[in-house]
Protein backbone atom coordinates (compact mmCIF):
# COMPACT_ATOMS: atom_id res chain seq x y z
CA MET A 1 129.82 126.04 114.97
CA LYS A 2 127.00 127.94 116.06
CA THR A 3 124.41 126.73 118.64
CA ALA A 4 121.01 127.47 118.00
CA LEU A 5 118.24 127.30 120.88
CA LEU A 6 115.06 125.61 119.94
CA LYS A 7 111.77 125.20 121.49
CA ARG A 8 109.87 122.46 121.31
CA ARG A 9 106.28 122.57 122.23
CA SER A 10 104.16 119.70 121.73
CA SER A 11 101.37 117.61 123.94
CA GLY A 12 103.11 115.29 126.43
CA ILE A 13 106.10 117.32 126.78
CA ALA A 14 106.23 120.34 129.25
CA PRO A 15 105.58 123.72 127.48
CA GLY A 16 108.74 125.84 127.27
CA TRP A 17 111.28 122.72 126.82
CA ALA A 18 114.14 123.77 125.23
CA LYS A 19 117.09 121.93 123.92
CA GLU A 20 120.41 123.28 122.28
CA ILE A 21 121.21 121.94 118.95
CA GLU A 22 124.33 122.61 116.83
CA LYS A 23 123.51 124.19 113.63
CA PRO A 24 126.15 124.79 111.14
CA GLU A 25 127.36 128.28 110.30
CA ILE A 26 127.42 129.40 106.29
CA LYS A 27 130.36 131.10 105.53
CA PRO A 28 129.40 134.17 104.39
CA GLY A 29 130.63 133.99 100.37
CA TYR A 30 128.86 130.46 100.14
CA ALA A 31 125.54 131.90 100.48
CA ARG A 32 125.89 133.81 97.18
CA ILE A 33 127.45 130.27 95.68
CA TYR A 34 124.45 128.27 96.93
CA ARG A 35 121.84 130.98 95.29
CA VAL A 36 123.47 130.44 91.86
CA VAL A 37 123.53 126.75 92.07
CA ARG A 38 119.74 126.52 93.49
CA GLN A 39 118.81 127.92 89.80
CA ILE A 40 120.45 124.80 87.97
CA PRO A 41 117.08 123.23 86.63
CA PRO A 42 116.72 119.54 87.06
CA GLY A 43 118.25 117.23 84.13
CA LYS A 44 121.22 120.13 83.83
CA VAL A 45 124.64 120.43 85.24
CA ALA A 46 127.09 123.16 85.87
CA THR A 47 130.73 123.10 86.20
CA TYR A 48 132.51 124.32 89.25
CA GLY A 49 134.27 126.96 86.93
CA GLN A 50 131.03 127.91 85.43
CA ILE A 51 129.39 128.60 88.91
CA ALA A 52 132.35 130.62 90.01
CA LYS A 53 132.33 132.94 86.70
CA ILE A 54 128.76 133.56 87.37
CA VAL A 55 129.20 134.35 91.42
CA ASP A 56 132.37 136.52 90.21
CA TRP A 57 134.43 136.63 93.21
CA CYS A 58 135.43 133.22 93.93
CA THR A 59 137.63 130.45 92.25
CA ALA A 60 136.13 126.76 91.07
CA ARG A 61 137.99 125.40 94.15
CA MET A 62 136.01 127.69 96.34
CA VAL A 63 132.74 126.20 94.88
CA GLY A 64 134.02 122.59 95.60
CA TYR A 65 134.41 123.73 99.17
CA ALA A 66 130.96 125.06 99.33
CA MET A 67 129.40 122.28 97.97
CA ALA A 68 131.57 120.10 100.59
CA ALA A 69 130.27 122.23 103.11
CA LEU A 70 126.64 121.27 102.69
CA ARG A 71 125.48 118.35 105.30
CA GLY A 72 122.41 116.46 105.65
CA ARG A 73 119.29 117.68 103.95
CA THR A 74 119.56 120.71 101.82
CA ASP A 75 117.34 122.73 99.01
CA VAL A 76 120.92 123.10 97.16
CA PRO A 77 121.18 120.90 94.44
CA TRP A 78 124.79 119.98 94.74
CA GLN A 79 124.63 117.13 92.79
CA ARG A 80 124.24 119.25 89.58
CA VAL A 81 127.86 120.85 89.79
CA ILE A 82 130.55 118.59 88.26
CA ASN A 83 133.91 119.31 87.01
CA SER A 84 135.06 120.66 83.86
CA LYS A 85 135.56 116.99 82.59
CA GLY A 86 132.15 116.23 83.00
CA GLU A 87 133.02 114.04 85.47
CA ILE A 88 131.80 113.77 89.24
CA SER A 89 134.60 115.10 91.23
CA THR A 90 136.24 112.12 93.90
CA ARG A 91 135.33 112.45 97.79
CA SER A 92 137.35 112.08 100.44
CA ARG A 93 135.14 110.23 102.25
CA GLY A 94 132.08 108.02 101.90
CA ASP A 95 130.26 107.02 98.88
CA GLY A 96 128.97 110.62 97.92
CA ALA A 97 129.93 110.39 94.14
CA LEU A 98 127.86 107.18 93.85
CA ARG A 99 125.21 109.11 95.47
CA GLN A 100 125.72 112.15 93.34
CA ARG A 101 125.83 109.78 90.20
CA LYS A 102 122.29 108.15 91.36
CA LEU A 103 120.74 111.52 92.06
CA LEU A 104 121.95 112.75 88.60
CA GLU A 105 120.70 109.70 86.84
CA LYS A 106 117.27 110.17 88.24
CA GLU A 107 117.06 113.42 86.89
CA GLY A 108 117.55 111.90 83.55
CA ILE A 109 121.40 112.85 83.27
CA ARG A 110 123.55 110.15 81.08
CA PHE A 111 126.97 108.94 81.59
CA ASP A 112 129.02 107.61 78.88
CA PRO A 113 131.43 104.26 79.71
CA LYS A 114 134.15 106.46 81.21
CA GLY A 115 131.76 107.87 83.87
CA ARG A 116 131.25 111.38 81.96
CA VAL A 117 128.32 113.52 81.16
CA ASN A 118 128.12 115.03 77.80
CA LEU A 119 128.11 119.00 78.56
CA ARG A 120 127.11 119.97 75.00
CA LYS A 121 124.20 118.10 76.01
CA ALA A 122 123.38 118.68 79.73
CA ARG A 123 125.52 121.89 80.38
CA TRP A 124 122.88 124.45 82.09
CA LYS A 125 123.39 127.75 80.10
CA GLY A 126 123.46 129.95 83.10
CA LEU A 127 121.51 132.68 84.52
CA TYR A 128 120.91 134.61 81.28
CA ALA A 129 120.55 132.07 78.50
CA HIS A 130 117.40 129.91 78.76
CA SER A 131 115.41 127.59 76.39
CA ALA A 132 112.17 128.38 75.39
CA GLU A 133 110.99 125.28 77.60
CA GLU A 134 112.63 126.32 80.61
CA ARG A 135 110.93 129.85 80.27
CA LYS A 136 107.65 127.97 79.80
CA HIS A 137 107.91 126.10 83.00
CA GLY A 138 109.10 129.00 85.26
CA GLU A 139 112.65 127.92 85.58
CA VAL A 140 114.35 131.45 85.06
CA ASN A 141 115.43 134.32 87.08
CA HIS A 142 114.46 136.61 84.88
CA GLY A 143 118.40 138.10 84.78
CA GLN A 144 118.57 138.86 88.52
CA SER A 145 122.00 138.82 89.92
CA PRO A 146 122.90 136.16 92.47
CA ASP A 147 122.46 138.60 95.02
CA GLU A 148 119.09 139.49 93.98
CA MET A 149 118.06 135.89 94.15
CA GLU A 150 116.18 133.64 96.94
């Protein structure tokens, strides 16, 4: 992990006080995956394989590793990435799958009794195919490649 030096300047604490904290290093390829995942609008999901095809150089498994590498608060909507069966992939630790389901349900995603999402209804169409409603609300990247997105 990289170490970043943060300076905290506020009243009551000596100016120039500095504390070292650990900041996770993002693997080079993950940044591009995260840019694509950020494009998935609320109420839609994408599969690991779908993201891999858009990114073009990685596999579905690598997308899974990138999602698993996210820690704490993030602007990457990791919960919107599910497996090709429409299921939430199980986690090796913690209650991540339950948390993911709750986040998706808050966004209006419905699960059947077997815990699956109907991909025909909820699947994000990708970067280049958007509904009129999505265009109306500015949820389109207007044909940018993943490298051009921010």
